Amino acid sequence: MEVLFILLPIALGFVLAAVFVFAWAVRDGQFDDLDTPALRALLDDPRGADDEPRR
């Protein structure tokens, strides 16, 4: 039973830290555009670095 006095504050600390980090990420704009980064890989230039014209 005494272990609850140690584990409960530690668990609450982890929860508060997770909420703080999530709120910071939302406020910083990390979740503003979730679709474009995934599509950017598909829409990149099809030529690779090896396909550049040689002189």
C-alpha atoms as a PDB file:
ATOM      1  CA  MET A   1       0.000   0.000   0.000  1.00  0.00           C
ATOM      2  CA  GLU A   2       2.906   2.347   0.680  1.00  0.00           C
ATOM      3  CA  VAL A   3       4.074   1.986  -2.886  1.00  0.00           C
ATOM      4  CA  LEU A   4       0.976   3.909  -4.018  1.00  0.00           C
ATOM      5  CA  PHE A   5       2.307   7.000  -2.274  1.00  0.00           C
ATOM      6  CA  ILE A   6       5.310   6.836  -4.604  1.00  0.00           C
ATOM      7  CA  LEU A   7       3.761   5.556  -7.841  1.00  0.00           C
ATOM      8  CA  LEU A   8       0.685   7.779  -7.876  1.00  0.00           C
ATOM      9  CA  PRO A   9       2.623  11.099  -7.902  1.00  0.00           C
ATOM     10  CA  ILE A  10       5.022   9.692 -10.495  1.00  0.00           C
ATOM     11  CA  ALA A  11       2.120   8.627 -12.742  1.00  0.00           C
ATOM     12  CA  LEU A  12       0.426  12.000 -12.316  1.00  0.00           C
ATOM     13  CA  GLY A  13       3.709  13.695 -13.196  1.00  0.00           C
ATOM     14  CA  PHE A  14       3.946  11.683 -16.412  1.00  0.00           C
ATOM     15  CA  VAL A  15       0.367  12.553 -17.311  1.00  0.00           C
ATOM     16  CA  LEU A  16       0.943  16.257 -16.669  1.00  0.00           C
ATOM     17  CA  ALA A  17       4.154  16.153 -18.726  1.00  0.00           C
ATOM     18  CA  ALA A  18       2.336  14.447 -21.628  1.00  0.00           C
ATOM     19  CA  VAL A  19      -0.479  17.012 -21.541  1.00  0.00           C
ATOM     20  CA  PHE A  20       2.058  19.848 -21.445  1.00  0.00           C
ATOM     21  CA  VAL A  21       4.020  18.465 -24.411  1.00  0.00           C
ATOM     22  CA  PHE A  22       0.825  17.887 -26.404  1.00  0.00           C
ATOM     23  CA  ALA A  23      -0.436  21.418 -25.682  1.00  0.00           C
ATOM     24  CA  TRP A  24       2.963  22.839 -26.656  1.00  0.00           C
ATOM     25  CA  ALA A  25       2.923  20.908 -29.955  1.00  0.00           C
ATOM     26  CA  VAL A  26      -0.595  22.094 -30.783  1.00  0.00           C
ATOM     27  CA  ARG A  27       0.269  25.689 -29.934  1.00  0.00           C
ATOM     28  CA  ASP A  28       3.469  25.441 -32.002  1.00  0.00           C
ATOM     29  CA  GLY A  29       1.529  24.322 -35.095  1.00  0.00           C
ATOM     30  CA  GLN A  30       2.730  20.721 -35.347  1.00  0.00           C
ATOM     31  CA  PHE A  31      -0.750  19.461 -36.269  1.00  0.00           C
ATOM     32  CA  ASP A  32      -1.774  22.204 -38.701  1.00  0.00           C
ATOM     33  CA  ASP A  33      -1.212  20.296 -41.955  1.00  0.00           C
ATOM     34  CA  LEU A  34      -1.128  16.509 -41.736  1.00  0.00           C
ATOM     35  CA  ASP A  35      -1.707  15.697 -45.415  1.00  0.00           C
ATOM     36  CA  THR A  36       0.866  17.712 -47.342  1.00  0.00           C
ATOM     37  CA  PRO A  37       4.051  16.151 -45.877  1.00  0.00           C
ATOM     38  CA  ALA A  38       2.830  12.673 -46.815  1.00  0.00           C
ATOM     39  CA  LEU A  39       1.957  13.773 -50.346  1.00  0.00           C
ATOM     40  CA  ARG A  40       5.195  15.696 -50.831  1.00  0.00           C
ATOM     41  CA  ALA A  41       7.135  12.442 -51.214  1.00  0.00           C
ATOM     42  CA  LEU A  42       4.789  11.376 -54.024  1.00  0.00           C
ATOM     43  CA  LEU A  43       4.892  14.713 -55.820  1.00  0.00           C
ATOM     44  CA  ASP A  44       8.659  15.241 -55.736  1.00  0.00           C
ATOM     45  CA  ASP A  45      10.647  15.660 -58.913  1.00  0.00           C
ATOM     46  CA  PRO A  46      10.967  12.196 -60.473  1.00  0.00           C
ATOM     47  CA  ARG A  47      14.584  12.847 -61.454  1.00  0.00           C
ATOM     48  CA  GLY A  48      17.061  11.776 -58.829  1.00  0.00           C
ATOM     49  CA  ALA A  49      20.448  13.281 -58.091  1.00  0.00           C
ATOM     50  CA  ASP A  50      22.048  10.700 -60.410  1.00  0.00           C
ATOM     51  CA  ASP A  51      19.939  11.827 -63.387  1.00  0.00           C
ATOM     52  CA  GLU A  52      21.450  15.305 -63.672  1.00  0.00           C
ATOM     53  CA  PRO A  53      22.875  16.065 -67.131  1.00  0.00           C
ATOM     54  CA  ARG A  54      26.597  15.517 -67.430  1.00  0.00           C
ATOM     55  CA  ARG A  55      28.925  17.956 -69.144  1.00  0.00           C
END
